[in-house]
């Protein structure tokens, strides 16, 4: 009995110490560092307009009005853009449902943006990302949409393209991925400029 007690007491004490260290102290330290050094990011990179939170710079939202830039399609949740159901459709490249959905999106994109039947459509305009919630679109996608947005809003195309450039984010670490345009921030900037 004494031998068993000599093993159980240190094991129990070690469990308590490690639980406090890894379950309480470490998370509190990480939270404190995040709040001190990266407060905006640690709190969700929330975007406000007129004192009201309208979204996050890190999570894509659905815009359907032609006066707005359209995001990537989303497979997150039942109707898309559901932050609590992030994920892809898991349809493979030969799946007839995916092929049909992409074909429908290509036709809709061409119609919305006044493109001819042979004009190229950026891949990010018709395919969802792995998360289904990407906040950005490619510069090529934004450039095509700029003509429509400028026309609907009655703005010079050069002004809208200048806003696209202003909201273009460089590649991560200068080499990863491609340059993207944050759709939410761009659309909010367009609204601010038009009052």
N, C-alpha and C. Protein backbone atom coordinates (compact mmCIF):
# COMPACT_ATOMS: atom_id res chain seq x y z
N UNK A 1 0.81 -1.20 0.00
CA UNK A 1 0.00 0.00 0.00
C UNK A 1 0.86 1.27 0.00
N UNK A 2 1.93 1.23 0.78
CA UNK A 2 2.84 2.37 0.86
C UNK A 2 3.53 2.61 -0.47
N UNK A 3 3.92 1.57 -1.17
CA UNK A 3 4.58 1.70 -2.47
C UNK A 3 3.63 2.31 -3.50
N UNK A 4 2.39 1.88 -3.43
CA UNK A 4 1.40 2.43 -4.36
C UNK A 4 1.16 3.91 -4.08
N UNK A 5 1.12 4.28 -2.82
CA UNK A 5 0.91 5.68 -2.44
C UNK A 5 2.08 6.55 -2.90
N UNK A 6 3.31 6.03 -2.82
CA UNK A 6 4.48 6.78 -3.25
C UNK A 6 4.43 7.06 -4.75
N UNK A 7 3.75 6.24 -5.51
CA UNK A 7 3.63 6.46 -6.95
C UNK A 7 2.41 7.32 -7.30
N UNK A 8 1.31 7.15 -6.59
CA UNK A 8 0.08 7.89 -6.90
C UNK A 8 0.18 9.36 -6.53
N UNK A 9 0.76 9.69 -5.40
CA UNK A 9 0.83 11.09 -4.96
C UNK A 9 1.63 11.94 -5.95
N UNK A 10 2.85 11.54 -6.33
CA UNK A 10 3.57 12.35 -7.32
C UNK A 10 2.84 12.41 -8.67
N UNK A 11 2.22 11.32 -9.08
CA UNK A 11 1.48 11.32 -10.35
C UNK A 11 0.31 12.29 -10.29
N UNK A 12 -0.41 12.29 -9.19
CA UNK A 12 -1.55 13.21 -9.02
C UNK A 12 -1.05 14.65 -9.00
N UNK A 13 0.01 14.92 -8.23
CA UNK A 13 0.56 16.28 -8.17
C UNK A 13 1.06 16.75 -9.53
N UNK A 14 1.71 15.88 -10.27
CA UNK A 14 2.19 16.24 -11.61
C UNK A 14 1.02 16.54 -12.54
N UNK A 15 -0.06 15.77 -12.42
CA UNK A 15 -1.25 16.03 -13.23
C UNK A 15 -1.82 17.41 -12.92
N UNK A 16 -1.92 17.76 -11.64
CA UNK A 16 -2.43 19.07 -11.24
C UNK A 16 -1.52 20.19 -11.75
N UNK A 17 -0.22 20.04 -11.56
CA UNK A 17 0.73 21.07 -12.00
C UNK A 17 0.68 21.26 -13.51
N UNK A 18 0.72 20.17 -14.26
CA UNK A 18 0.69 20.28 -15.72
C UNK A 18 -0.65 20.81 -16.23
N UNK A 19 -1.74 20.45 -15.57
CA UNK A 19 -3.04 21.00 -15.95
C UNK A 19 -3.07 22.50 -15.75
N UNK A 20 -2.56 22.97 -14.62
CA UNK A 20 -2.51 24.42 -14.37
C UNK A 20 -1.58 25.12 -15.35
N UNK A 21 -0.44 24.50 -15.62
CA UNK A 21 0.54 25.11 -16.52
C UNK A 21 0.04 25.16 -17.96
N UNK A 22 -0.40 24.01 -18.49
CA UNK A 22 -0.79 23.95 -19.90
C UNK A 22 -2.25 24.31 -20.15
N UNK A 23 -3.08 24.18 -19.13
CA UNK A 23 -4.51 24.46 -19.31
C UNK A 23 -4.94 25.83 -18.86
N UNK A 24 -4.11 26.49 -18.03
CA UNK A 24 -4.48 27.81 -17.54
C UNK A 24 -3.40 28.85 -17.85
N UNK A 25 -2.18 28.63 -17.36
CA UNK A 25 -1.11 29.62 -17.50
C UNK A 25 -0.74 29.88 -18.96
N UNK A 26 -0.52 28.81 -19.73
CA UNK A 26 -0.13 28.98 -21.13
C UNK A 26 -1.21 29.70 -21.94
N UNK A 27 -2.49 29.27 -21.90
CA UNK A 27 -3.52 30.00 -22.66
C UNK A 27 -3.65 31.47 -22.24
N UNK A 28 -3.52 31.75 -20.94
CA UNK A 28 -3.59 33.15 -20.49
C UNK A 28 -2.41 33.96 -21.04
N UNK A 29 -1.21 33.37 -21.05
CA UNK A 29 -0.04 34.06 -21.57
C UNK A 29 -0.18 34.34 -23.07
N UNK A 30 -0.65 33.36 -23.82
CA UNK A 30 -0.83 33.55 -25.27
C UNK A 30 -1.90 34.61 -25.54
N UNK A 31 -2.98 34.57 -24.79
CA UNK A 31 -4.04 35.57 -24.95
C UNK A 31 -3.52 36.97 -24.62
N UNK A 32 -2.75 37.09 -23.56
CA UNK A 32 -2.20 38.40 -23.17
C UNK A 32 -1.25 38.92 -24.25
N UNK A 33 -0.37 38.07 -24.76
CA UNK A 33 0.54 38.50 -25.83
C UNK A 33 -0.22 38.91 -27.08
N UNK A 34 -1.24 38.15 -27.44
CA UNK A 34 -2.03 38.48 -28.62
C UNK A 34 -2.74 39.82 -28.45
N UNK A 35 -3.29 40.07 -27.27
CA UNK A 35 -3.98 41.33 -27.02
C UNK A 35 -3.01 42.51 -27.01
N UNK A 36 -1.80 42.29 -26.52
CA UNK A 36 -0.80 43.37 -26.47
C UNK A 36 -0.21 43.66 -27.84
N UNK A 37 0.13 42.62 -28.59
CA UNK A 37 0.83 42.81 -29.85
C UNK A 37 -0.02 42.81 -31.10
N UNK A 38 -1.16 42.13 -31.06
CA UNK A 38 -1.98 41.98 -32.26
C UNK A 38 -3.46 42.10 -31.92
N UNK A 39 -3.84 43.15 -31.25
CA UNK A 39 -5.21 43.29 -30.73
C UNK A 39 -6.27 43.17 -31.83
N UNK A 40 -6.08 43.87 -32.94
CA UNK A 40 -7.07 43.85 -34.03
C UNK A 40 -7.26 42.43 -34.56
N UNK A 41 -6.15 41.74 -34.84
CA UNK A 41 -6.23 40.38 -35.37
C UNK A 41 -6.78 39.41 -34.33
N UNK A 42 -6.33 39.56 -33.08
CA UNK A 42 -6.77 38.64 -32.02
C UNK A 42 -8.26 38.75 -31.76
N UNK A 43 -8.85 39.88 -32.07
CA UNK A 43 -10.27 40.08 -31.85
C UNK A 43 -11.09 39.88 -33.12
N UNK A 44 -10.51 39.23 -34.13
CA UNK A 44 -11.28 38.85 -35.31
C UNK A 44 -11.15 39.76 -36.51
N UNK A 45 -10.26 40.76 -36.48
CA UNK A 45 -10.08 41.70 -37.60
C UNK A 45 -11.43 42.28 -38.04
N UNK A 46 -12.21 42.72 -37.05
CA UNK A 46 -13.55 43.23 -37.34
C UNK A 46 -13.49 44.56 -38.08
N UNK A 47 -14.41 44.74 -39.01
CA UNK A 47 -14.50 45.97 -39.80
C UNK A 47 -15.77 46.69 -39.38
N UNK A 48 -15.63 47.97 -39.02
CA UNK A 48 -16.79 48.76 -38.58
C UNK A 48 -17.07 49.87 -39.58
N UNK A 49 -18.32 50.24 -39.64
CA UNK A 49 -18.73 51.39 -40.46
C UNK A 49 -19.77 52.14 -39.65
N UNK A 50 -19.51 53.41 -39.41
CA UNK A 50 -20.39 54.27 -38.62
C UNK A 50 -20.68 53.65 -37.26
N UNK A 51 -19.62 53.11 -36.63
CA UNK A 51 -19.74 52.56 -35.29
C UNK A 51 -20.41 51.20 -35.20
N UNK A 52 -20.70 50.59 -36.32
CA UNK A 52 -21.38 49.29 -36.34
C UNK A 52 -20.49 48.25 -37.03
N UNK A 53 -20.33 47.09 -36.42
CA UNK A 53 -19.53 46.03 -37.02
C UNK A 53 -20.29 45.47 -38.22
N UNK A 54 -19.63 45.47 -39.38
CA UNK A 54 -20.29 44.99 -40.60
C UNK A 54 -19.65 43.72 -41.15
N UNK A 55 -18.60 43.25 -40.50
CA UNK A 55 -17.95 42.02 -40.95
C UNK A 55 -16.54 41.90 -40.44
N UNK A 56 -15.84 40.95 -41.00
CA UNK A 56 -14.44 40.72 -40.67
C UNK A 56 -13.63 40.78 -41.96
N UNK A 57 -12.45 41.37 -41.86
CA UNK A 57 -11.57 41.44 -43.03
C UNK A 57 -11.04 40.06 -43.42
N UNK A 58 -11.27 39.06 -42.56
CA UNK A 58 -10.75 37.72 -42.81
C UNK A 58 -11.79 36.73 -43.28
N UNK A 59 -13.06 37.12 -43.32
CA UNK A 59 -14.13 36.19 -43.67
C UNK A 59 -14.96 36.78 -44.82
N UNK A 60 -15.06 36.03 -45.90
CA UNK A 60 -15.83 36.48 -47.05
C UNK A 60 -17.31 36.57 -46.76
N UNK A 61 -17.96 37.48 -47.48
CA UNK A 61 -19.41 37.67 -47.36
C UNK A 61 -20.02 37.66 -48.74
N UNK A 62 -21.27 37.29 -48.81
CA UNK A 62 -21.96 37.27 -50.09
C UNK A 62 -22.49 38.66 -50.44
N UNK A 63 -22.14 39.14 -51.61
CA UNK A 63 -22.69 40.38 -52.16
C UNK A 63 -23.36 40.01 -53.47
N UNK A 64 -24.63 40.40 -53.63
CA UNK A 64 -25.34 40.04 -54.86
C UNK A 64 -25.74 41.24 -55.69
N UNK A 65 -25.80 42.42 -55.08
CA UNK A 65 -26.17 43.63 -55.80
C UNK A 65 -25.09 43.96 -56.83
N UNK A 66 -25.48 44.24 -58.10
CA UNK A 66 -24.48 44.52 -59.15
C UNK A 66 -23.60 45.74 -58.87
N UNK A 67 -24.01 46.62 -57.94
CA UNK A 67 -23.17 47.78 -57.65
C UNK A 67 -21.99 47.44 -56.76
N UNK A 68 -21.94 46.18 -56.32
CA UNK A 68 -20.85 45.71 -55.47
C UNK A 68 -19.98 44.69 -56.19
N UNK A 69 -18.72 44.63 -55.80
CA UNK A 69 -17.84 43.56 -56.26
C UNK A 69 -18.34 42.26 -55.65
N UNK A 70 -18.33 41.21 -56.45
CA UNK A 70 -18.81 39.91 -56.01
C UNK A 70 -17.63 39.09 -55.49
N UNK A 71 -17.82 38.35 -54.41
CA UNK A 71 -16.75 37.51 -53.87
C UNK A 71 -16.65 36.18 -54.62
N UNK A 72 -15.74 35.34 -54.16
CA UNK A 72 -15.68 33.97 -54.67
C UNK A 72 -16.94 33.24 -54.26
N UNK A 73 -17.35 32.24 -55.02
CA UNK A 73 -18.47 31.41 -54.57
C UNK A 73 -18.10 30.72 -53.25
N UNK A 74 -19.10 30.37 -52.48
CA UNK A 74 -18.86 29.74 -51.19
C UNK A 74 -19.65 28.45 -51.05
N UNK A 75 -19.00 27.43 -50.52
CA UNK A 75 -19.66 26.16 -50.21
C UNK A 75 -19.81 25.99 -48.71
N UNK A 76 -19.57 27.07 -47.96
CA UNK A 76 -19.62 26.99 -46.49
C UNK A 76 -21.05 27.12 -46.01
N UNK A 77 -21.60 26.05 -45.52
CA UNK A 77 -22.97 26.07 -45.01
C UNK A 77 -23.98 25.85 -46.12
N UNK A 78 -25.23 25.85 -45.73
CA UNK A 78 -26.32 25.56 -46.67
C UNK A 78 -26.41 26.60 -47.79
N UNK A 79 -26.33 27.88 -47.43
CA UNK A 79 -26.46 28.95 -48.42
C UNK A 79 -25.14 29.64 -48.72
N UNK A 80 -24.03 29.13 -48.21
CA UNK A 80 -22.72 29.74 -48.43
C UNK A 80 -22.44 30.86 -47.44
N UNK A 81 -21.16 31.18 -47.31
CA UNK A 81 -20.67 32.27 -46.45
C UNK A 81 -21.08 32.12 -44.99
N UNK A 82 -21.21 30.89 -44.53
CA UNK A 82 -21.57 30.62 -43.14
C UNK A 82 -20.27 30.39 -42.36
N UNK A 83 -19.89 31.36 -41.54
CA UNK A 83 -18.65 31.29 -40.80
C UNK A 83 -18.58 30.14 -39.82
N UNK A 84 -19.70 29.61 -39.42
CA UNK A 84 -19.70 28.48 -38.48
C UNK A 84 -19.64 27.14 -39.20
N UNK A 85 -19.64 27.16 -40.53
CA UNK A 85 -19.62 25.91 -41.30
C UNK A 85 -18.57 25.97 -42.40
N UNK A 86 -17.41 26.50 -42.07
CA UNK A 86 -16.34 26.64 -43.04
C UNK A 86 -15.96 25.30 -43.65
N UNK A 87 -15.81 25.29 -44.96
CA UNK A 87 -15.38 24.07 -45.61
C UNK A 87 -15.71 24.06 -47.09
N UNK A 88 -15.06 23.17 -47.78
CA UNK A 88 -15.26 23.05 -49.22
C UNK A 88 -16.42 22.10 -49.51
N UNK A 89 -16.78 22.00 -50.78
CA UNK A 89 -17.88 21.11 -51.18
C UNK A 89 -17.42 19.66 -51.22
N UNK A 90 -16.12 19.45 -51.31
CA UNK A 90 -15.52 18.11 -51.41
C UNK A 90 -15.91 17.38 -52.70
N UNK A 91 -16.33 18.13 -53.71
CA UNK A 91 -16.61 17.53 -55.01
C UNK A 91 -15.31 17.49 -55.81
N UNK A 92 -14.99 16.32 -56.39
CA UNK A 92 -13.78 16.18 -57.17
C UNK A 92 -13.91 16.82 -58.54
N UNK A 93 -12.78 17.00 -59.25
CA UNK A 93 -12.80 17.69 -60.54
C UNK A 93 -13.58 16.98 -61.64
N UNK A 94 -13.87 15.71 -61.47
CA UNK A 94 -14.66 14.99 -62.48
C UNK A 94 -16.11 14.78 -62.05
N UNK A 95 -16.47 15.32 -60.90
CA UNK A 95 -17.83 15.15 -60.40
C UNK A 95 -18.79 15.97 -61.27
N UNK A 96 -19.83 15.34 -61.83
CA UNK A 96 -20.78 16.06 -62.69
C UNK A 96 -21.44 17.26 -62.00
N UNK A 97 -21.68 17.17 -60.69
CA UNK A 97 -22.30 18.28 -59.97
C UNK A 97 -21.38 19.50 -59.95
N UNK A 98 -20.09 19.28 -59.75
CA UNK A 98 -19.13 20.39 -59.76
C UNK A 98 -19.00 20.97 -61.15
N UNK A 99 -18.89 20.13 -62.16
CA UNK A 99 -18.77 20.59 -63.54
C UNK A 99 -19.98 21.44 -63.92
N UNK A 100 -21.16 20.98 -63.55
CA UNK A 100 -22.39 21.72 -63.84
C UNK A 100 -22.42 23.06 -63.10
N UNK A 101 -22.04 23.04 -61.81
CA UNK A 101 -22.06 24.27 -61.01
C UNK A 101 -21.08 25.30 -61.58
N UNK A 102 -19.88 24.86 -61.96
CA UNK A 102 -18.90 25.79 -62.51
C UNK A 102 -19.38 26.33 -63.85
N UNK A 103 -19.97 25.49 -64.69
CA UNK A 103 -20.50 25.96 -65.98
C UNK A 103 -21.59 27.01 -65.77
N UNK A 104 -22.47 26.77 -64.80
CA UNK A 104 -23.52 27.75 -64.50
C UNK A 104 -22.92 29.06 -63.99
N UNK A 105 -21.89 28.95 -63.15
CA UNK A 105 -21.24 30.16 -62.61
C UNK A 105 -20.54 30.95 -63.71
N UNK A 106 -19.91 30.24 -64.65
CA UNK A 106 -19.23 30.92 -65.76
C UNK A 106 -20.25 31.71 -66.57
N UNK A 107 -21.38 31.09 -66.89
CA UNK A 107 -22.42 31.77 -67.67
C UNK A 107 -22.96 32.97 -66.91
N UNK A 108 -23.21 32.82 -65.63
CA UNK A 108 -23.72 33.93 -64.81
C UNK A 108 -22.70 35.06 -64.70
N UNK A 109 -21.43 34.72 -64.54
CA UNK A 109 -20.38 35.73 -64.44
C UNK A 109 -20.26 36.51 -65.74
N UNK A 110 -20.27 35.80 -66.85
CA UNK A 110 -20.19 36.48 -68.15
C UNK A 110 -21.38 37.41 -68.35
N UNK A 111 -22.56 36.96 -68.00
CA UNK A 111 -23.75 37.78 -68.16
C UNK A 111 -23.69 39.02 -67.26
N UNK A 112 -23.36 38.82 -65.99
CA UNK A 112 -23.31 39.93 -65.04
C UNK A 112 -22.30 40.99 -65.44
N UNK A 113 -21.16 40.55 -65.98
CA UNK A 113 -20.07 41.47 -66.29
C UNK A 113 -19.98 41.83 -67.77
N UNK A 114 -20.96 41.43 -68.57
CA UNK A 114 -21.00 41.81 -69.98
C UNK A 114 -19.87 41.22 -70.80
N UNK A 115 -19.47 40.00 -70.50
CA UNK A 115 -18.39 39.36 -71.25
C UNK A 115 -18.96 38.52 -72.39
N UNK A 116 -18.19 38.41 -73.46
CA UNK A 116 -18.58 37.57 -74.57
C UNK A 116 -18.41 36.09 -74.25
N UNK A 117 -18.96 35.23 -75.10
CA UNK A 117 -18.92 33.79 -74.82
C UNK A 117 -17.52 33.18 -74.87
N UNK A 118 -16.58 33.86 -75.49
CA UNK A 118 -15.22 33.31 -75.58
C UNK A 118 -14.23 34.00 -74.65
N UNK A 119 -14.68 35.01 -73.91
CA UNK A 119 -13.76 35.71 -73.02
C UNK A 119 -13.46 34.87 -71.78
N UNK A 120 -12.20 34.94 -71.36
CA UNK A 120 -11.74 34.17 -70.21
C UNK A 120 -12.39 34.68 -68.92
N UNK A 121 -12.70 33.73 -68.04
CA UNK A 121 -13.26 34.04 -66.72
C UNK A 121 -12.23 33.58 -65.68
N UNK A 122 -11.85 34.47 -64.76
CA UNK A 122 -10.87 34.06 -63.73
C UNK A 122 -11.40 32.87 -62.93
N UNK A 123 -10.52 31.93 -62.64
CA UNK A 123 -10.91 30.70 -61.96
C UNK A 123 -11.51 30.98 -60.58
N UNK A 124 -11.01 32.01 -59.90
CA UNK A 124 -11.54 32.29 -58.55
C UNK A 124 -12.94 32.87 -58.60
N UNK A 125 -13.40 33.27 -59.77
CA UNK A 125 -14.76 33.81 -59.89
C UNK A 125 -15.82 32.71 -59.95
N UNK A 126 -15.38 31.49 -60.22
CA UNK A 126 -16.35 30.41 -60.43
C UNK A 126 -16.09 29.17 -59.58
N UNK A 127 -15.06 29.19 -58.76
CA UNK A 127 -14.77 28.07 -57.87
C UNK A 127 -14.65 28.55 -56.43
N UNK A 128 -15.15 27.76 -55.51
CA UNK A 128 -15.04 28.10 -54.09
C UNK A 128 -13.66 27.71 -53.58
N UNK A 129 -13.23 28.40 -52.54
CA UNK A 129 -11.96 28.07 -51.92
C UNK A 129 -12.13 26.89 -50.98
N UNK A 130 -11.03 26.42 -50.42
CA UNK A 130 -11.09 25.28 -49.49
C UNK A 130 -11.90 25.63 -48.25
N UNK A 131 -11.81 26.86 -47.79
CA UNK A 131 -12.57 27.25 -46.60
C UNK A 131 -13.98 27.69 -46.95
N UNK A 132 -14.17 28.13 -48.19
CA UNK A 132 -15.46 28.67 -48.60
C UNK A 132 -15.69 30.08 -48.09
N UNK A 133 -14.67 30.66 -47.46
CA UNK A 133 -14.84 31.97 -46.83
C UNK A 133 -13.72 32.95 -47.17
N UNK A 134 -13.03 32.75 -48.27
CA UNK A 134 -11.95 33.66 -48.62
C UNK A 134 -12.49 35.08 -48.77
N UNK A 135 -11.83 36.06 -48.13
CA UNK A 135 -12.30 37.44 -48.21
C UNK A 135 -11.86 38.16 -49.47
N UNK A 136 -10.93 37.56 -50.21
CA UNK A 136 -10.36 38.26 -51.35
C UNK A 136 -10.62 37.57 -52.67
N UNK A 137 -10.48 38.35 -53.74
CA UNK A 137 -10.56 37.85 -55.10
C UNK A 137 -9.28 38.25 -55.82
N UNK A 138 -9.01 37.62 -56.94
CA UNK A 138 -7.80 37.95 -57.70
C UNK A 138 -7.94 39.35 -58.30
N UNK A 139 -6.80 39.95 -58.61
CA UNK A 139 -6.80 41.27 -59.23
C UNK A 139 -7.47 41.19 -60.61
N UNK A 140 -7.24 40.11 -61.33
CA UNK A 140 -7.88 39.94 -62.65
C UNK A 140 -9.40 39.92 -62.51
N UNK A 141 -9.91 39.23 -61.51
CA UNK A 141 -11.35 39.18 -61.25
C UNK A 141 -11.87 40.57 -60.91
N UNK A 142 -11.17 41.29 -60.05
CA UNK A 142 -11.60 42.63 -59.67
C UNK A 142 -11.57 43.59 -60.86
N UNK A 143 -10.54 43.47 -61.72
CA UNK A 143 -10.45 44.35 -62.89
C UNK A 143 -11.64 44.15 -63.83
N UNK A 144 -12.05 42.90 -64.02
CA UNK A 144 -13.21 42.64 -64.88
C UNK A 144 -14.47 43.23 -64.26
N UNK A 145 -14.65 43.04 -62.96
CA UNK A 145 -15.84 43.54 -62.28
C UNK A 145 -15.87 45.06 -62.18
N UNK A 146 -14.71 45.69 -62.24
CA UNK A 146 -14.63 47.16 -62.09
C UNK A 146 -15.45 47.89 -63.14
N UNK A 147 -15.46 47.38 -64.35
CA UNK A 147 -16.26 48.04 -65.42
C UNK A 147 -17.74 48.07 -65.06
N UNK A 148 -18.26 46.92 -64.60
CA UNK A 148 -19.67 46.83 -64.22
C UNK A 148 -19.97 47.74 -63.04
N UNK A 149 -19.16 47.66 -62.00
CA UNK A 149 -19.39 48.46 -60.79
C UNK A 149 -19.36 49.95 -61.14
N UNK A 150 -18.41 50.36 -61.96
CA UNK A 150 -18.32 51.77 -62.35
C UNK A 150 -19.57 52.21 -63.11
N UNK A 151 -20.01 51.37 -64.02
CA UNK A 151 -21.20 51.71 -64.82
C UNK A 151 -22.44 51.81 -63.95
N UNK A 152 -22.67 50.82 -63.08
CA UNK A 152 -23.85 50.82 -62.22
C UNK A 152 -23.84 52.00 -61.25
N UNK A 153 -22.68 52.36 -60.76
CA UNK A 153 -22.57 53.45 -59.78
C UNK A 153 -22.40 54.82 -60.45
N UNK A 154 -22.22 54.84 -61.76
CA UNK A 154 -22.04 56.12 -62.45
C UNK A 154 -20.70 56.77 -62.14
N UNK A 155 -19.68 55.94 -61.96
CA UNK A 155 -18.33 56.44 -61.66
C UNK A 155 -17.41 56.18 -62.85
N UNK A 156 -16.35 56.98 -62.98
CA UNK A 156 -15.36 56.66 -64.02
C UNK A 156 -14.67 55.33 -63.69
N UNK A 157 -14.46 54.51 -64.70
CA UNK A 157 -13.81 53.23 -64.50
C UNK A 157 -12.42 53.41 -63.91
N UNK A 158 -11.72 54.47 -64.29
CA UNK A 158 -10.38 54.70 -63.76
C UNK A 158 -10.41 54.92 -62.24
N UNK A 159 -11.45 55.57 -61.73
CA UNK A 159 -11.57 55.77 -60.28
C UNK A 159 -11.79 54.44 -59.56
N UNK A 160 -12.64 53.59 -60.13
CA UNK A 160 -12.91 52.29 -59.51
C UNK A 160 -11.66 51.41 -59.57
N UNK A 161 -10.95 51.45 -60.69
CA UNK A 161 -9.70 50.68 -60.79
C UNK A 161 -8.66 51.18 -59.79
N UNK A 162 -8.64 52.48 -59.54
CA UNK A 162 -7.71 53.03 -58.55
C UNK A 162 -8.05 52.50 -57.15
N UNK A 163 -9.34 52.38 -56.86
CA UNK A 163 -9.74 51.79 -55.58
C UNK A 163 -9.35 50.32 -55.48
N UNK A 164 -9.47 49.61 -56.59
CA UNK A 164 -9.04 48.21 -56.62
C UNK A 164 -7.56 48.13 -56.26
N UNK A 165 -6.75 48.99 -56.85
CA UNK A 165 -5.31 48.98 -56.56
C UNK A 165 -5.05 49.33 -55.10
N UNK A 166 -5.85 50.25 -54.56
CA UNK A 166 -5.68 50.66 -53.17
C UNK A 166 -5.97 49.51 -52.20
N UNK A 167 -6.88 48.63 -52.58
CA UNK A 167 -7.27 47.52 -51.70
C UNK A 167 -6.61 46.20 -52.10
N UNK A 168 -5.62 46.27 -52.98
CA UNK A 168 -4.89 45.06 -53.37
C UNK A 168 -3.84 44.75 -52.31
N UNK A 169 -3.90 43.52 -51.82
CA UNK A 169 -2.95 43.07 -50.80
C UNK A 169 -1.87 42.23 -51.47
N UNK A 170 -0.62 42.47 -51.08
CA UNK A 170 0.50 41.76 -51.67
C UNK A 170 0.50 40.28 -51.27
N UNK A 171 1.32 39.51 -51.93
CA UNK A 171 1.45 38.09 -51.62
C UNK A 171 1.97 37.93 -50.19
N UNK A 172 1.56 36.87 -49.52
CA UNK A 172 2.03 36.61 -48.17
C UNK A 172 3.54 36.37 -48.18
N UNK A 173 4.22 37.06 -47.31
CA UNK A 173 5.68 36.98 -47.21
C UNK A 173 6.36 37.33 -48.53
N UNK A 174 5.63 37.98 -49.43
CA UNK A 174 6.18 38.40 -50.72
C UNK A 174 6.28 37.30 -51.76
N UNK A 175 6.02 36.05 -51.39
CA UNK A 175 6.18 34.95 -52.35
C UNK A 175 5.02 33.96 -52.37
N UNK A 176 4.22 33.90 -51.32
CA UNK A 176 3.17 32.89 -51.23
C UNK A 176 1.85 33.38 -51.83
N UNK A 177 1.24 32.56 -52.65
CA UNK A 177 -0.06 32.90 -53.22
C UNK A 177 0.04 33.97 -54.29
N UNK A 178 -1.04 34.69 -54.45
CA UNK A 178 -1.07 35.78 -55.42
C UNK A 178 -1.65 37.02 -54.76
N UNK A 179 -1.53 38.14 -55.43
CA UNK A 179 -2.12 39.37 -54.91
C UNK A 179 -3.63 39.22 -54.93
N UNK A 180 -4.29 39.72 -53.88
CA UNK A 180 -5.75 39.62 -53.79
C UNK A 180 -6.33 40.98 -53.41
N UNK A 181 -7.61 41.12 -53.69
CA UNK A 181 -8.35 42.33 -53.36
C UNK A 181 -9.40 41.96 -52.32
N UNK A 182 -9.40 42.65 -51.18
CA UNK A 182 -10.37 42.37 -50.12
C UNK A 182 -11.72 42.96 -50.54
N UNK A 183 -12.69 42.11 -50.79
CA UNK A 183 -13.99 42.51 -51.33
C UNK A 183 -14.77 43.39 -50.35
N UNK A 184 -14.83 42.99 -49.08
CA UNK A 184 -15.59 43.77 -48.10
C UNK A 184 -15.03 45.17 -47.97
N UNK A 185 -13.73 45.31 -47.80
CA UNK A 185 -13.13 46.63 -47.63
C UNK A 185 -13.31 47.48 -48.88
N UNK A 186 -13.19 46.88 -50.06
CA UNK A 186 -13.38 47.61 -51.31
C UNK A 186 -14.82 48.10 -51.44
N UNK A 187 -15.78 47.23 -51.16
CA UNK A 187 -17.19 47.63 -51.26
C UNK A 187 -17.54 48.72 -50.25
N UNK A 188 -17.01 48.62 -49.04
CA UNK A 188 -17.27 49.67 -48.04
C UNK A 188 -16.66 50.99 -48.48
N UNK A 189 -15.48 50.94 -49.07
CA UNK A 189 -14.83 52.17 -49.55
C UNK A 189 -15.66 52.80 -50.68
N UNK A 190 -16.20 51.97 -51.55
CA UNK A 190 -17.07 52.49 -52.62
C UNK A 190 -18.30 53.18 -52.02
N UNK A 191 -18.92 52.56 -51.04
CA UNK A 191 -20.08 53.17 -50.39
C UNK A 191 -19.73 54.48 -49.72
N UNK A 192 -18.58 54.54 -49.04
CA UNK A 192 -18.16 55.79 -48.37
C UNK A 192 -17.96 56.91 -49.38
N UNK A 193 -17.39 56.57 -50.52
CA UNK A 193 -17.11 57.61 -51.54
C UNK A 193 -18.40 58.14 -52.17
N UNK A 194 -19.44 57.33 -52.16
CA UNK A 194 -20.70 57.78 -52.74
C UNK A 194 -21.69 58.27 -51.69
N UNK A 195 -21.23 58.36 -50.45
CA UNK A 195 -22.09 58.89 -49.39
C UNK A 195 -23.08 57.88 -48.93
